[in-house]
Protein backbone atom coordinates (compact mmCIF):
# COMPACT_ATOMS: atom_id res chain seq x y z
CA MET A 1 -30.96 -39.36 35.95
CA LYS A 2 -31.95 -38.62 39.54
CA ARG A 3 -29.73 -35.51 39.58
CA TRP A 4 -31.77 -33.98 36.74
CA LEU A 5 -35.03 -34.63 38.58
CA VAL A 6 -33.76 -32.56 41.51
CA LEU A 7 -32.76 -29.66 39.27
CA ILE A 8 -36.06 -29.41 37.36
CA PRO A 9 -38.13 -28.13 40.34
CA LEU A 10 -35.39 -25.60 41.16
CA CYS A 11 -35.40 -24.25 37.60
CA LEU A 12 -39.17 -24.11 37.44
CA SER A 13 -39.47 -22.32 40.77
CA GLY A 14 -37.11 -19.60 39.53
CA CYS A 15 -39.11 -19.18 36.29
CA SER A 16 -42.43 -18.73 38.06
CA GLN A 17 -41.37 -15.75 40.15
CA GLU A 18 -42.54 -12.39 38.89
CA THR A 19 -40.27 -9.40 38.74
CA PRO A 20 -41.32 -6.94 41.44
CA PRO A 21 -42.72 -3.66 40.12
CA ALA A 22 -40.54 -0.58 40.22
CA PRO A 23 -41.20 1.77 43.13
CA ALA A 24 -43.75 4.48 42.33
CA ASP A 25 -41.22 7.25 42.92
CA SER A 26 -38.61 5.86 40.51
CA PRO A 27 -38.07 7.93 37.33
CA ALA A 28 -39.37 6.72 34.00
CA PRO A 29 -36.72 5.11 31.80
CA ALA A 30 -35.02 7.58 29.50
CA ALA A 31 -35.46 7.25 25.75
CA THR A 32 -32.57 5.20 24.44
CA THR A 33 -33.35 5.12 20.75
CA PRO A 34 -30.68 6.66 18.54
CA ALA A 35 -33.43 8.60 16.75
CA ALA A 36 -34.26 10.49 19.92
CA ALA A 37 -30.63 11.52 20.37
CA ASN A 38 -29.56 12.18 16.77
CA PRO A 39 -31.83 11.69 13.75
CA ALA A 40 -28.93 11.83 11.26
CA GLU A 41 -27.01 9.12 13.13
CA ALA A 42 -30.13 6.94 13.34
CA GLY A 43 -30.73 7.61 9.64
CA LYS A 44 -27.16 6.59 8.79
CA LYS A 45 -27.62 3.19 10.45
CA LEU A 46 -30.93 2.65 8.66
CA PHE A 47 -29.42 3.83 5.36
CA GLU A 48 -26.50 1.42 5.73
CA ALA A 49 -28.91 -1.45 6.37
CA SER A 50 -31.51 -0.67 3.71
CA CYS A 51 -30.10 1.66 1.05
CA SER A 52 -26.33 1.37 0.79
CA ALA A 53 -26.33 -1.83 -1.28
CA CYS A 54 -27.48 0.23 -4.26
CA HIS A 55 -26.66 3.82 -3.30
CA GLY A 56 -23.26 3.11 -1.76
CA PRO A 57 -22.17 3.35 1.86
CA GLU A 58 -21.65 7.12 1.59
CA GLY A 59 -24.47 7.79 -0.89
CA GLY A 60 -22.11 8.02 -3.87
CA GLY A 61 -24.11 5.48 -5.90
CA ILE A 62 -23.25 2.07 -7.31
CA PRO A 63 -22.97 1.97 -11.11
CA SER A 64 -25.86 0.13 -12.76
CA LEU A 65 -27.70 -0.19 -9.42
CA GLY A 66 -28.46 3.07 -7.66
CA LYS A 67 -27.88 6.72 -8.38
CA ALA A 68 -25.61 8.92 -6.30
CA LEU A 69 -27.57 10.78 -3.68
CA LYS A 70 -24.96 13.45 -2.98
CA GLY A 71 -26.00 16.49 -4.95
CA SER A 72 -28.98 14.68 -6.45
CA PRO A 73 -31.80 16.80 -7.90
CA MET A 74 -34.08 14.65 -5.71
CA LEU A 75 -32.75 16.60 -2.72
CA LYS A 76 -34.70 19.63 -3.97
CA LEU A 77 -37.87 17.82 -2.90
CA SER A 78 -39.33 18.54 0.53
CA ASP A 79 -38.71 16.07 3.33
CA ALA A 80 -42.33 14.88 3.08
CA ASP A 81 -42.01 14.34 -0.68
CA LEU A 82 -38.74 12.42 -0.26
CA VAL A 83 -40.30 10.20 2.41
CA ALA A 84 -43.27 9.58 0.08
CA PHE A 85 -40.89 8.71 -2.77
CA ILE A 86 -38.90 6.25 -0.63
CA LYS A 87 -42.14 4.67 0.62
CA LYS A 88 -43.32 4.10 -2.94
CA GLY A 89 -40.00 3.26 -4.61
CA ARG A 90 -39.52 3.41 -8.38
CA GLU A 91 -40.29 0.79 -10.99
CA ALA A 92 -37.60 -0.14 -13.52
CA SER A 93 -40.01 0.89 -16.28
CA ASP A 94 -40.39 4.45 -14.92
CA PRO A 95 -39.02 6.82 -17.62
CA ALA A 96 -37.19 8.78 -14.91
CA ASN A 97 -35.36 5.62 -13.81
CA THR A 98 -32.06 5.94 -15.64
CA THR A 99 -30.53 2.76 -14.17
CA LYS A 100 -33.53 0.63 -15.21
CA VAL A 101 -33.19 -1.19 -11.88
CA ALA A 102 -36.26 -1.08 -9.67
CA MET A 103 -36.01 0.67 -6.32
CA PRO A 104 -38.27 -1.36 -4.02
CA PRO A 105 -40.61 0.47 -1.65
CA LYS A 106 -38.74 1.45 1.51
CA GLY A 107 -35.54 0.10 -0.02
CA GLY A 108 -36.92 -3.39 0.38
CA ASN A 109 -37.36 -3.04 4.15
CA PRO A 110 -41.12 -3.01 4.90
CA ASP A 111 -40.45 -2.55 8.62
CA LEU A 112 -39.23 1.04 8.17
CA THR A 113 -41.62 3.52 9.78
CA ASP A 114 -42.28 7.08 8.65
CA ASP A 115 -39.97 8.25 11.45
CA ASP A 116 -37.26 5.87 10.18
CA LEU A 117 -37.68 7.24 6.65
CA GLY A 118 -37.50 10.79 8.00
CA ASN A 119 -34.23 9.92 9.72
CA ILE A 120 -32.90 8.48 6.47
CA VAL A 121 -33.81 11.72 4.67
CA THR A 122 -32.03 13.70 7.39
CA TYR A 123 -28.95 11.55 6.89
CA ILE A 124 -29.07 11.86 3.08
CA ARG A 125 -29.29 15.63 3.38
CA SER A 126 -26.19 15.62 5.62
CA LEU A 127 -24.01 13.91 2.97
CA LYS A 128 -21.31 16.15 1.56
């Protein structure tokens, strides 16, 4: 038991030290988000996490769940209109919903931002 009592002050002293500030002349950290480097690649990762369960990993659709996105008439919409559609989703009772399965707003991921949705649209448009 006495060994632990010696270690506690050592651990606490290390936790209370602040990290020194970076020198004033050091460069600002570079943007490391995938979106900054490649919107389609960032959109692919978001699509895989939020959309592929119904629309398939390559956007080819899953029967009785989600329509194919490749070649979809929805792609004739503007980017802003597609983002608005994804934000809203589609109720199962919507007459235009041919699967009769609801598409939840933002694919069920409320944390997606407008930029995230824009990246998803960029990815969807890149599908061949």
